[in-house]
PDB file of all heavy atoms in Angstrom:
ATOM      1  N   GLY A   1      47.996  60.151  54.367  1.00  0.00           N
ATOM      2  CA  GLY A   1      49.426  60.145  54.626  1.00  0.00           C
ATOM      3  C   GLY A   1      49.756  59.069  55.621  1.00  0.00           C
ATOM      4  O   GLY A   1      51.018  58.890  55.824  1.00  0.00           O
ATOM      5  N   TRP A   2      48.854  58.330  56.229  1.00  0.00           N
ATOM      6  CA  TRP A   2      49.188  57.391  57.187  1.00  0.00           C
ATOM      7  C   TRP A   2      48.914  55.949  56.703  1.00  0.00           C
ATOM      8  O   TRP A   2      48.801  55.008  57.423  1.00  0.00           O
ATOM      9  CB  TRP A   2      48.250  57.514  58.426  1.00  0.00           C
ATOM     10  CG  TRP A   2      48.475  58.836  59.242  1.00  0.00           C
ATOM     11  CD1 TRP A   2      47.710  59.961  59.180  1.00  0.00           C
ATOM     12  CD2 TRP A   2      49.620  59.063  60.077  1.00  0.00           C
ATOM     13  NE1 TRP A   2      48.229  60.951  59.954  1.00  0.00           N
ATOM     14  CE2 TRP A   2      49.456  60.425  60.555  1.00  0.00           C
ATOM     15  CE3 TRP A   2      50.661  58.330  60.521  1.00  0.00           C
ATOM     16  CZ2 TRP A   2      50.251  61.006  61.466  1.00  0.00           C
ATOM     17  CZ3 TRP A   2      51.598  58.952  61.327  1.00  0.00           C
ATOM     18  CH2 TRP A   2      51.383  60.296  61.901  1.00  0.00           C
ATOM     19  N   THR A   3      48.903  55.788  55.320  1.00  0.00           N
ATOM     20  CA  THR A   3      48.494  54.472  54.678  1.00  0.00           C
ATOM     21  C   THR A   3      49.389  53.316  55.300  1.00  0.00           C
ATOM     22  O   THR A   3      48.867  52.381  55.634  1.00  0.00           O
ATOM     23  CB  THR A   3      48.661  54.547  53.165  1.00  0.00           C
ATOM     24  OG1 THR A   3      47.860  55.615  52.702  1.00  0.00           O
ATOM     25  CG2 THR A   3      48.231  53.236  52.591  1.00  0.00           C
ATOM     26  N   THR A   4      50.708  53.519  55.235  1.00  0.00           N
ATOM     27  CA  THR A   4      51.568  52.451  55.718  1.00  0.00           C
ATOM     28  C   THR A   4      51.378  52.139  57.270  1.00  0.00           C
ATOM     29  O   THR A   4      51.286  51.000  57.602  1.00  0.00           O
ATOM     30  CB  THR A   4      53.093  52.889  55.518  1.00  0.00           C
ATOM     31  OG1 THR A   4      53.344  53.114  54.158  1.00  0.00           O
ATOM     32  CG2 THR A   4      54.047  51.823  56.052  1.00  0.00           C
ATOM     33  N   GLU A   5      51.239  53.159  57.981  1.00  0.00           N
ATOM     34  CA  GLU A   5      51.010  52.934  59.450  1.00  0.00           C
ATOM     35  C   GLU A   5      49.654  52.296  59.775  1.00  0.00           C
ATOM     36  O   GLU A   5      49.523  51.392  60.643  1.00  0.00           O
ATOM     37  CB  GLU A   5      51.129  54.284  60.181  1.00  0.00           C
ATOM     38  CG  GLU A   5      52.483  54.839  60.244  1.00  0.00           C
ATOM     39  CD  GLU A   5      52.874  55.653  59.022  1.00  0.00           C
ATOM     40  OE1 GLU A   5      52.040  55.717  58.013  1.00  0.00           O
ATOM     41  OE2 GLU A   5      54.030  56.172  58.982  1.00  0.00           O
ATOM     42  N   LEU A   6      48.662  52.701  58.979  1.00  0.00           N
ATOM     43  CA  LEU A   6      47.283  52.039  59.194  1.00  0.00           C
ATOM     44  C   LEU A   6      47.426  50.554  58.833  1.00  0.00           C
ATOM     45  O   LEU A   6      46.756  49.719  59.486  1.00  0.00           O
ATOM     46  CB  LEU A   6      46.262  52.825  58.340  1.00  0.00           C
ATOM     47  CG  LEU A   6      45.764  54.195  58.948  1.00  0.00           C
ATOM     48  CD1 LEU A   6      45.089  54.970  57.848  1.00  0.00           C
ATOM     49  CD2 LEU A   6      45.040  53.996  60.216  1.00  0.00           C
ATOM     50  N   ARG A   7      48.056  50.256  57.777  1.00  0.00           N
ATOM     51  CA  ARG A   7      48.210  48.870  57.344  1.00  0.00           C
ATOM     52  C   ARG A   7      48.828  48.097  58.437  1.00  0.00           C
ATOM     53  O   ARG A   7      48.400  46.967  58.770  1.00  0.00           O
ATOM     54  CB  ARG A   7      48.921  48.726  55.984  1.00  0.00           C
ATOM     55  CG  ARG A   7      48.909  47.423  55.387  1.00  0.00           C
ATOM     56  CD  ARG A   7      49.610  47.339  54.085  1.00  0.00           C
ATOM     57  NE  ARG A   7      49.118  48.400  53.156  1.00  0.00           N
ATOM     58  CZ  ARG A   7      48.051  48.117  52.314  1.00  0.00           C
ATOM     59  NH1 ARG A   7      47.323  46.970  52.509  1.00  0.00           N
ATOM     60  NH2 ARG A   7      47.617  49.051  51.509  1.00  0.00           N
ATOM     61  N   GLN A   8      49.853  48.615  59.070  1.00  0.00           N
ATOM     62  CA  GLN A   8      50.574  47.935  60.157  1.00  0.00           C
ATOM     63  C   GLN A   8      49.680  47.811  61.404  1.00  0.00           C
ATOM     64  O   GLN A   8      49.609  46.822  62.058  1.00  0.00           O
ATOM     65  CB  GLN A   8      51.796  48.658  60.577  1.00  0.00           C
ATOM     66  CG  GLN A   8      52.889  48.801  59.513  1.00  0.00           C
ATOM     67  CD  GLN A   8      54.025  49.850  59.815  1.00  0.00           C
ATOM     68  OE1 GLN A   8      53.992  50.533  60.844  1.00  0.00           O
ATOM     69  NE2 GLN A   8      55.058  49.823  58.999  1.00  0.00           N
ATOM     70  N   LEU A   9      48.860  48.876  61.696  1.00  0.00           N
ATOM     71  CA  LEU A   9      47.969  48.878  62.763  1.00  0.00           C
ATOM     72  C   LEU A   9      46.934  47.768  62.668  1.00  0.00           C
ATOM     73  O   LEU A   9      46.606  47.021  63.553  1.00  0.00           O
ATOM     74  CB  LEU A   9      47.310  50.256  62.898  1.00  0.00           C
ATOM     75  CG  LEU A   9      46.210  50.346  63.989  1.00  0.00           C
ATOM     76  CD1 LEU A   9      46.729  50.115  65.338  1.00  0.00           C
ATOM     77  CD2 LEU A   9      45.502  51.715  63.863  1.00  0.00           C
ATOM     78  N   PHE A  10      46.335  47.696  61.375  1.00  0.00           N
ATOM     79  CA  PHE A  10      45.273  46.748  61.204  1.00  0.00           C
ATOM     80  C   PHE A  10      45.832  45.253  61.179  1.00  0.00           C
ATOM     81  O   PHE A  10      45.096  44.397  61.770  1.00  0.00           O
ATOM     82  CB  PHE A  10      44.630  46.938  59.832  1.00  0.00           C
ATOM     83  CG  PHE A  10      43.891  48.359  59.676  1.00  0.00           C
ATOM     84  CD1 PHE A  10      43.607  48.858  58.491  1.00  0.00           C
ATOM     85  CD2 PHE A  10      43.609  48.947  60.910  1.00  0.00           C
ATOM     86  CE1 PHE A  10      43.008  50.027  58.410  1.00  0.00           C
ATOM     87  CE2 PHE A  10      42.937  50.232  60.813  1.00  0.00           C
ATOM     88  CZ  PHE A  10      42.620  50.800  59.592  1.00  0.00           C
ATOM     89  N   ALA A  11      47.048  44.979  60.821  1.00  0.00           N
ATOM     90  CA  ALA A  11      47.642  43.755  60.941  1.00  0.00           C
ATOM     91  C   ALA A  11      47.862  43.363  62.368  1.00  0.00           C
ATOM     92  O   ALA A  11      47.518  42.272  62.768  1.00  0.00           O
ATOM     93  CB  ALA A  11      49.010  43.731  60.213  1.00  0.00           C
ATOM     94  N   SER A  12      48.286  44.296  63.216  1.00  0.00           N
ATOM     95  CA  SER A  12      48.471  44.093  64.644  1.00  0.00           C
ATOM     96  C   SER A  12      47.081  43.930  65.366  1.00  0.00           C
ATOM     97  O   SER A  12      46.955  43.100  66.280  1.00  0.00           O
ATOM     98  CB  SER A  12      49.195  45.273  65.304  1.00  0.00           C
ATOM     99  OG  SER A  12      50.579  45.331  64.814  1.00  0.00           O
ATOM    100  N   TYR A  13      46.098  44.578  64.989  1.00  0.00           N
ATOM    101  CA  TYR A  13      44.701  44.470  65.425  1.00  0.00           C
ATOM    102  C   TYR A  13      44.182  43.086  65.256  1.00  0.00           C
ATOM    103  O   TYR A  13      43.653  42.520  66.162  1.00  0.00           O
ATOM    104  CB  TYR A  13      43.873  45.621  64.810  1.00  0.00           C
ATOM    105  CG  TYR A  13      42.318  45.483  65.192  1.00  0.00           C
ATOM    106  CD1 TYR A  13      41.993  45.679  66.514  1.00  0.00           C
ATOM    107  CD2 TYR A  13      41.426  45.207  64.194  1.00  0.00           C
ATOM    108  CE1 TYR A  13      40.593  45.607  66.853  1.00  0.00           C
ATOM    109  CE2 TYR A  13      40.065  45.112  64.492  1.00  0.00           C
ATOM    110  CZ  TYR A  13      39.716  45.305  65.768  1.00  0.00           C
ATOM    111  OH  TYR A  13      38.314  45.286  66.083  1.00  0.00           O
ATOM    112  N   VAL A  14      44.344  42.566  64.098  1.00  0.00           N
ATOM    113  CA  VAL A  14      43.949  41.244  63.746  1.00  0.00           C
ATOM    114  C   VAL A  14      44.636  40.216  64.554  1.00  0.00           C
ATOM    115  O   VAL A  14      43.996  39.287  65.111  1.00  0.00           O
ATOM    116  CB  VAL A  14      44.092  40.931  62.194  1.00  0.00           C
ATOM    117  CG1 VAL A  14      43.842  39.476  61.955  1.00  0.00           C
ATOM    118  CG2 VAL A  14      43.157  41.786  61.419  1.00  0.00           C
ATOM    119  N   GLU A  15      45.939  40.368  64.726  1.00  0.00           N
ATOM    120  CA  GLU A  15      46.731  39.474  65.536  1.00  0.00           C
ATOM    121  C   GLU A  15      46.302  39.509  67.039  1.00  0.00           C
ATOM    122  O   GLU A  15      46.207  38.460  67.650  1.00  0.00           O
ATOM    123  CB  GLU A  15      48.230  39.780  65.452  1.00  0.00           C
ATOM    124  CG  GLU A  15      48.823  39.486  64.082  1.00  0.00           C
ATOM    125  CD  GLU A  15      50.185  40.083  63.931  1.00  0.00           C
ATOM    126  OE1 GLU A  15      50.711  40.653  64.810  1.00  0.00           O
ATOM    127  OE2 GLU A  15      50.786  39.902  62.759  1.00  0.00           O
ATOM    128  N   ALA A  16      46.033  40.697  67.506  1.00  0.00           N
ATOM    129  CA  ALA A  16      45.554  40.822  68.963  1.00  0.00           C
ATOM    130  C   ALA A  16      44.147  40.137  69.143  1.00  0.00           C
ATOM    131  O   ALA A  16      43.980  39.406  70.107  1.00  0.00           O
ATOM    132  CB  ALA A  16      45.423  42.286  69.264  1.00  0.00           C
ATOM    133  N   LYS A  17      43.250  40.221  68.158  1.00  0.00           N
ATOM    134  CA  LYS A  17      42.027  39.648  68.306  1.00  0.00           C
ATOM    135  C   LYS A  17      42.221  38.066  68.317  1.00  0.00           C
ATOM    136  O   LYS A  17      41.534  37.460  69.121  1.00  0.00           O
ATOM    137  CB  LYS A  17      41.045  39.967  67.100  1.00  0.00           C
ATOM    138  CG  LYS A  17      40.474  41.369  67.175  1.00  0.00           C
ATOM    139  CD  LYS A  17      39.481  41.603  66.076  1.00  0.00           C
ATOM    140  CE  LYS A  17      40.077  41.624  64.742  1.00  0.00           C
ATOM    141  NZ  LYS A  17      39.150  41.835  63.623  1.00  0.00           N
ATOM    142  N   GLN A  18      43.025  37.522  67.447  1.00  0.00           N
ATOM    143  CA  GLN A  18      43.215  36.152  67.432  1.00  0.00           C
ATOM    144  C   GLN A  18      43.963  35.588  68.751  1.00  0.00           C
ATOM    145  O   GLN A  18      43.549  34.552  69.127  1.00  0.00           O
ATOM    146  CB  GLN A  18      44.060  35.818  66.158  1.00  0.00           C
ATOM    147  CG  GLN A  18      43.316  35.959  64.865  1.00  0.00           C
ATOM    148  CD  GLN A  18      44.166  35.800  63.670  1.00  0.00           C
ATOM    149  OE1 GLN A  18      45.353  35.489  63.677  1.00  0.00           O
ATOM    150  NE2 GLN A  18      43.535  35.913  62.497  1.00  0.00           N
ATOM    151  N   ARG A  19      44.849  36.349  69.273  1.00  0.00           N
ATOM    152  CA  ARG A  19      45.534  36.006  70.481  1.00  0.00           C
ATOM    153  C   ARG A  19      44.411  35.969  71.586  1.00  0.00           C
ATOM    154  O   ARG A  19      44.559  35.077  72.505  1.00  0.00           O
ATOM    155  CB  ARG A  19      46.640  36.955  70.862  1.00  0.00           C
ATOM    156  CG  ARG A  19      47.935  36.872  70.116  1.00  0.00           C
ATOM    157  CD  ARG A  19      49.064  37.522  70.838  1.00  0.00           C
ATOM    158  NE  ARG A  19      48.697  38.898  71.096  1.00  0.00           N
ATOM    159  CZ  ARG A  19      48.981  39.936  70.379  1.00  0.00           C
ATOM    160  NH1 ARG A  19      49.557  39.685  69.164  1.00  0.00           N
ATOM    161  NH2 ARG A  19      48.647  41.125  70.656  1.00  0.00           N
ATOM    162  N   GLN A  20      43.545  36.833  71.641  1.00  0.00           N
ATOM    163  CA  GLN A  20      42.528  36.940  72.760  1.00  0.00           C
ATOM    164  C   GLN A  20      41.272  36.144  72.431  1.00  0.00           C
ATOM    165  O   GLN A  20      40.367  36.139  73.267  1.00  0.00           O
ATOM    166  CB  GLN A  20      42.231  38.434  72.946  1.00  0.00           C
ATOM    167  CG  GLN A  20      43.441  39.269  73.363  1.00  0.00           C
ATOM    168  CD  GLN A  20      43.042  40.735  73.433  1.00  0.00           C
ATOM    169  OE1 GLN A  20      41.932  41.147  73.856  1.00  0.00           O
ATOM    170  NE2 GLN A  20      43.917  41.622  73.162  1.00  0.00           N
ATOM    171  N   ASN A  21      41.217  35.490  71.302  1.00  0.00           N
ATOM    172  CA  ASN A  21      40.097  34.708  70.937  1.00  0.00           C
ATOM    173  C   ASN A  21      38.822  35.495  70.888  1.00  0.00           C
ATOM    174  O   ASN A  21      37.743  35.097  71.402  1.00  0.00           O
ATOM    175  CB  ASN A  21      39.946  33.475  71.849  1.00  0.00           C
ATOM    176  CG  ASN A  21      38.996  32.428  71.323  1.00  0.00           C
ATOM    177  OD1 ASN A  21      38.918  32.317  70.075  1.00  0.00           O
ATOM    178  ND2 ASN A  21      38.259  31.766  72.179  1.00  0.00           N
ATOM    179  N   VAL A  22      38.838  36.689  70.271  1.00  0.00           N
ATOM    180  CA  VAL A  22      37.684  37.557  70.157  1.00  0.00           C
ATOM    181  C   VAL A  22      37.424  37.838  68.678  1.00  0.00           C
ATOM    182  O   VAL A  22      38.455  37.850  67.842  1.00  0.00           O
ATOM    183  CB  VAL A  22      37.803  38.855  71.002  1.00  0.00           C
ATOM    184  CG1 VAL A  22      37.920  38.552  72.409  1.00  0.00           C
ATOM    185  CG2 VAL A  22      38.958  39.698  70.381  1.00  0.00           C
ATOM    186  N   LEU A  23      36.185  37.991  68.331  1.00  0.00           N
ATOM    187  CA  LEU A  23      35.811  38.460  66.989  1.00  0.00           C
ATOM    188  C   LEU A  23      35.137  39.773  67.055  1.00  0.00           C
ATOM    189  O   LEU A  23      34.384  40.037  68.099  1.00  0.00           O
ATOM    190  CB  LEU A  23      34.901  37.416  66.242  1.00  0.00           C
ATOM    191  CG  LEU A  23      35.388  36.004  66.161  1.00  0.00           C
ATOM    192  CD1 LEU A  23      34.424  35.143  65.339  1.00  0.00           C
ATOM    193  CD2 LEU A  23      36.845  35.937  65.423  1.00  0.00           C
ATOM    194  N   ASP A  24      35.240  40.642  66.116  1.00  0.00           N
ATOM    195  CA  ASP A  24      34.374  41.830  66.068  1.00  0.00           C
ATOM    196  C   ASP A  24      33.253  41.598  65.160  1.00  0.00           C
ATOM    197  O   ASP A  24      33.117  40.578  64.451  1.00  0.00           O
ATOM    198  CB  ASP A  24      35.209  43.116  65.711  1.00  0.00           C
ATOM    199  CG  ASP A  24      35.814  43.069  64.390  1.00  0.00           C
ATOM    200  OD1 ASP A  24      35.369  42.259  63.558  1.00  0.00           O
ATOM    201  OD2 ASP A  24      36.888  43.781  64.161  1.00  0.00           O
ATOM    202  N   TYR A  25      32.358  42.604  64.982  1.00  0.00           N
ATOM    203  CA  TYR A  25      31.212  42.427  64.145  1.00  0.00           C
ATOM    204  C   TYR A  25      31.648  42.070  62.638  1.00  0.00           C
ATOM    205  O   TYR A  25      30.997  41.220  62.084  1.00  0.00           O
ATOM    206  CB  TYR A  25      30.466  43.787  64.061  1.00  0.00           C
ATOM    207  CG  TYR A  25      29.510  44.120  65.137  1.00  0.00           C
ATOM    208  CD1 TYR A  25      29.304  45.370  65.557  1.00  0.00           C
ATOM    209  CD2 TYR A  25      28.806  43.033  65.750  1.00  0.00           C
ATOM    210  CE1 TYR A  25      28.417  45.636  66.606  1.00  0.00           C
ATOM    211  CE2 TYR A  25      27.917  43.307  66.827  1.00  0.00           C
ATOM    212  CZ  TYR A  25      27.704  44.575  67.245  1.00  0.00           C
ATOM    213  OH  TYR A  25      26.841  44.907  68.248  1.00  0.00           O
ATOM    214  N   ASP A  26      32.693  42.790  62.151  1.00  0.00           N
ATOM    215  CA  ASP A  26      33.125  42.542  60.806  1.00  0.00           C
ATOM    216  C   ASP A  26      33.639  41.098  60.657  1.00  0.00           C
ATOM    217  O   ASP A  26      33.333  40.545  59.538  1.00  0.00           O
ATOM    218  CB  ASP A  26      34.178  43.588  60.432  1.00  0.00           C
ATOM    219  CG  ASP A  26      33.665  44.895  60.609  1.00  0.00           C
ATOM    220  OD1 ASP A  26      32.511  45.262  60.278  1.00  0.00           O
ATOM    221  OD2 ASP A  26      34.517  45.779  61.067  1.00  0.00           O
ATOM    222  N   ASP A  27      34.228  40.601  61.640  1.00  0.00           N
ATOM    223  CA  ASP A  27      34.761  39.275  61.534  1.00  0.00           C
ATOM    224  C   ASP A  27      33.634  38.205  61.338  1.00  0.00           C
ATOM    225  O   ASP A  27      33.905  37.197  60.670  1.00  0.00           O
ATOM    226  CB  ASP A  27      35.539  38.866  62.788  1.00  0.00           C
ATOM    227  CG  ASP A  27      36.876  39.573  62.979  1.00  0.00           C
ATOM    228  OD1 ASP A  27      37.379  39.933  61.898  1.00  0.00           O
ATOM    229  OD2 ASP A  27      37.274  39.744  64.070  1.00  0.00           O
ATOM    230  N   LEU A  28      32.522  38.429  61.969  1.00  0.00           N
ATOM    231  CA  LEU A  28      31.448  37.438  61.723  1.00  0.00           C
ATOM    232  C   LEU A  28      31.019  37.284  60.185  1.00  0.00           C
ATOM    233  O   LEU A  28      30.671  36.171  59.747  1.00  0.00           O
ATOM    234  CB  LEU A  28      30.211  37.873  62.472  1.00  0.00           C
ATOM    235  CG  LEU A  28      30.402  37.999  64.032  1.00  0.00           C
ATOM    236  CD1 LEU A  28      29.234  38.561  64.711  1.00  0.00           C
ATOM    237  CD2 LEU A  28      30.810  36.652  64.659  1.00  0.00           C
ATOM    238  N   LEU A  29      31.139  38.346  59.437  1.00  0.00           N
ATOM    239  CA  LEU A  29      30.836  38.260  58.072  1.00  0.00           C
ATOM    240  C   LEU A  29      32.163  37.884  57.340  1.00  0.00           C
ATOM    241  O   LEU A  29      32.085  36.979  56.325  1.00  0.00           O
ATOM    242  CB  LEU A  29      30.363  39.594  57.530  1.00  0.00           C
ATOM    243  CG  LEU A  29      29.082  40.181  58.041  1.00  0.00           C
ATOM    244  CD1 LEU A  29      28.687  41.425  57.413  1.00  0.00           C
ATOM    245  CD2 LEU A  29      27.963  39.094  58.029  1.00  0.00           C
ATOM    246  N   LEU A  30      33.280  38.373  57.641  1.00  0.00           N
ATOM    247  CA  LEU A  30      34.530  38.065  56.994  1.00  0.00           C
ATOM    248  C   LEU A  30      34.876  36.636  57.046  1.00  0.00           C
ATOM    249  O   LEU A  30      35.286  35.955  56.107  1.00  0.00           O
ATOM    250  CB  LEU A  30      35.645  39.004  57.546  1.00  0.00           C
ATOM    251  CG  LEU A  30      36.999  38.899  56.914  1.00  0.00           C
ATOM    252  CD1 LEU A  30      36.925  39.253  55.425  1.00  0.00           C
ATOM    253  CD2 LEU A  30      38.103  39.765  57.507  1.00  0.00           C
ATOM    254  N   TYR A  31      34.809  36.097  58.334  1.00  0.00           N
ATOM    255  CA  TYR A  31      35.189  34.680  58.420  1.00  0.00           C
ATOM    256  C   TYR A  31      34.232  33.851  57.784  1.00  0.00           C
ATOM    257  O   TYR A  31      34.643  32.746  57.198  1.00  0.00           O
ATOM    258  CB  TYR A  31      35.089  34.287  59.977  1.00  0.00           C
ATOM    259  CG  TYR A  31      36.406  34.561  60.782  1.00  0.00           C
ATOM    260  CD1 TYR A  31      36.910  35.848  60.841  1.00  0.00           C
ATOM    261  CD2 TYR A  31      37.035  33.605  61.384  1.00  0.00           C
ATOM    262  CE1 TYR A  31      38.129  36.175  61.529  1.00  0.00           C
ATOM    263  CE2 TYR A  31      38.254  33.891  62.157  1.00  0.00           C
ATOM    264  CZ  TYR A  31      38.670  35.146  62.214  1.00  0.00           C
ATOM    265  OH  TYR A  31      39.834  35.432  62.871  1.00  0.00           O
ATOM    266  N   TRP A  32      32.902  34.133  57.743  1.00  0.00           N
ATOM    267  CA  TRP A  32      31.849  33.412  57.039  1.00  0.00           C
ATOM    268  C   TRP A  32      32.235  33.418  55.543  1.00  0.00           C
ATOM    269  O   TRP A  32      32.210  32.377  54.887  1.00  0.00           O
ATOM    270  CB  TRP A  32      30.519  34.022  57.347  1.00  0.00           C
ATOM    271  CG  TRP A  32      29.341  33.250  56.716  1.00  0.00           C
ATOM    272  CD1 TRP A  32      29.426  32.034  56.028  1.00  0.00           C
ATOM    273  CD2 TRP A  32      27.987  33.643  56.824  1.00  0.00           C
ATOM    274  NE1 TRP A  32      28.124  31.720  55.638  1.00  0.00           N
ATOM    275  CE2 TRP A  32      27.186  32.712  56.117  1.00  0.00           C
ATOM    276  CE3 TRP A  32      27.315  34.705  57.370  1.00  0.00           C
ATOM    277  CZ2 TRP A  32      25.859  32.695  55.950  1.00  0.00           C
ATOM    278  CZ3 TRP A  32      25.948  34.696  57.366  1.00  0.00           C
ATOM    279  CH2 TRP A  32      25.215  33.680  56.623  1.00  0.00           C
ATOM    280  N   SER A  33      32.528  34.617  55.052  1.00  0.00           N
ATOM    281  CA  SER A  33      32.807  34.732  53.653  1.00  0.00           C
ATOM    282  C   SER A  33      34.131  33.982  53.203  1.00  0.00           C
ATOM    283  O   SER A  33      34.171  33.239  52.230  1.00  0.00           O
ATOM    284  CB  SER A  33      33.071  36.187  53.255  1.00  0.00           C
ATOM    285  OG  SER A  33      33.543  36.386  51.920  1.00  0.00           O
ATOM    286  N   GLN A  34      35.094  34.052  54.056  1.00  0.00           N
ATOM    287  CA  GLN A  34      36.409  33.313  53.768  1.00  0.00           C
ATOM    288  C   GLN A  34      36.127  31.727  53.842  1.00  0.00           C
ATOM    289  O   GLN A  34      36.658  30.976  53.105  1.00  0.00           O
ATOM    290  CB  GLN A  34      37.409  33.687  54.838  1.00  0.00           C
ATOM    291  CG  GLN A  34      37.926  35.124  54.698  1.00  0.00           C
ATOM    292  CD  GLN A  34      38.639  35.373  53.416  1.00  0.00           C
ATOM    293  OE1 GLN A  34      39.485  34.535  52.917  1.00  0.00           O
ATOM    294  NE2 GLN A  34      38.384  36.456  52.797  1.00  0.00           N
ATOM    295  N   MET A  35      35.289  31.338  54.836  1.00  0.00           N
ATOM    296  CA  MET A  35      34.929  29.995  54.987  1.00  0.00           C
ATOM    297  C   MET A  35      34.188  29.456  53.713  1.00  0.00           C
ATOM    298  O   MET A  35      34.429  28.363  53.194  1.00  0.00           O
ATOM    299  CB  MET A  35      34.110  29.756  56.255  1.00  0.00           C
ATOM    300  CG  MET A  35      33.627  28.439  56.548  1.00  0.00           C
ATOM    301  SD  MET A  35      32.875  28.373  58.196  1.00  0.00           S
ATOM    302  CE  MET A  35      31.344  29.115  57.849  1.00  0.00           C
ATOM    303  N   ALA A  36      33.300  30.285  53.298  1.00  0.00           N
ATOM    304  CA  ALA A  36      32.540  29.885  52.165  1.00  0.00           C
ATOM    305  C   ALA A  36      33.271  29.939  50.792  1.00  0.00           C
ATOM    306  O   ALA A  36      32.829  29.423  49.760  1.00  0.00           O
ATOM    307  CB  ALA A  36      31.347  30.848  51.939  1.00  0.00           C
TER     308      ALA A  36
END
């Protein structure tokens, strides 16, 4: 029932990581995959 809100939350979470110049575990694979 929270699909819309979770999508908004995850978008804001990604923006917060980028503002703070931090990566989480998943980013290490996700960025590598996107790069490749």
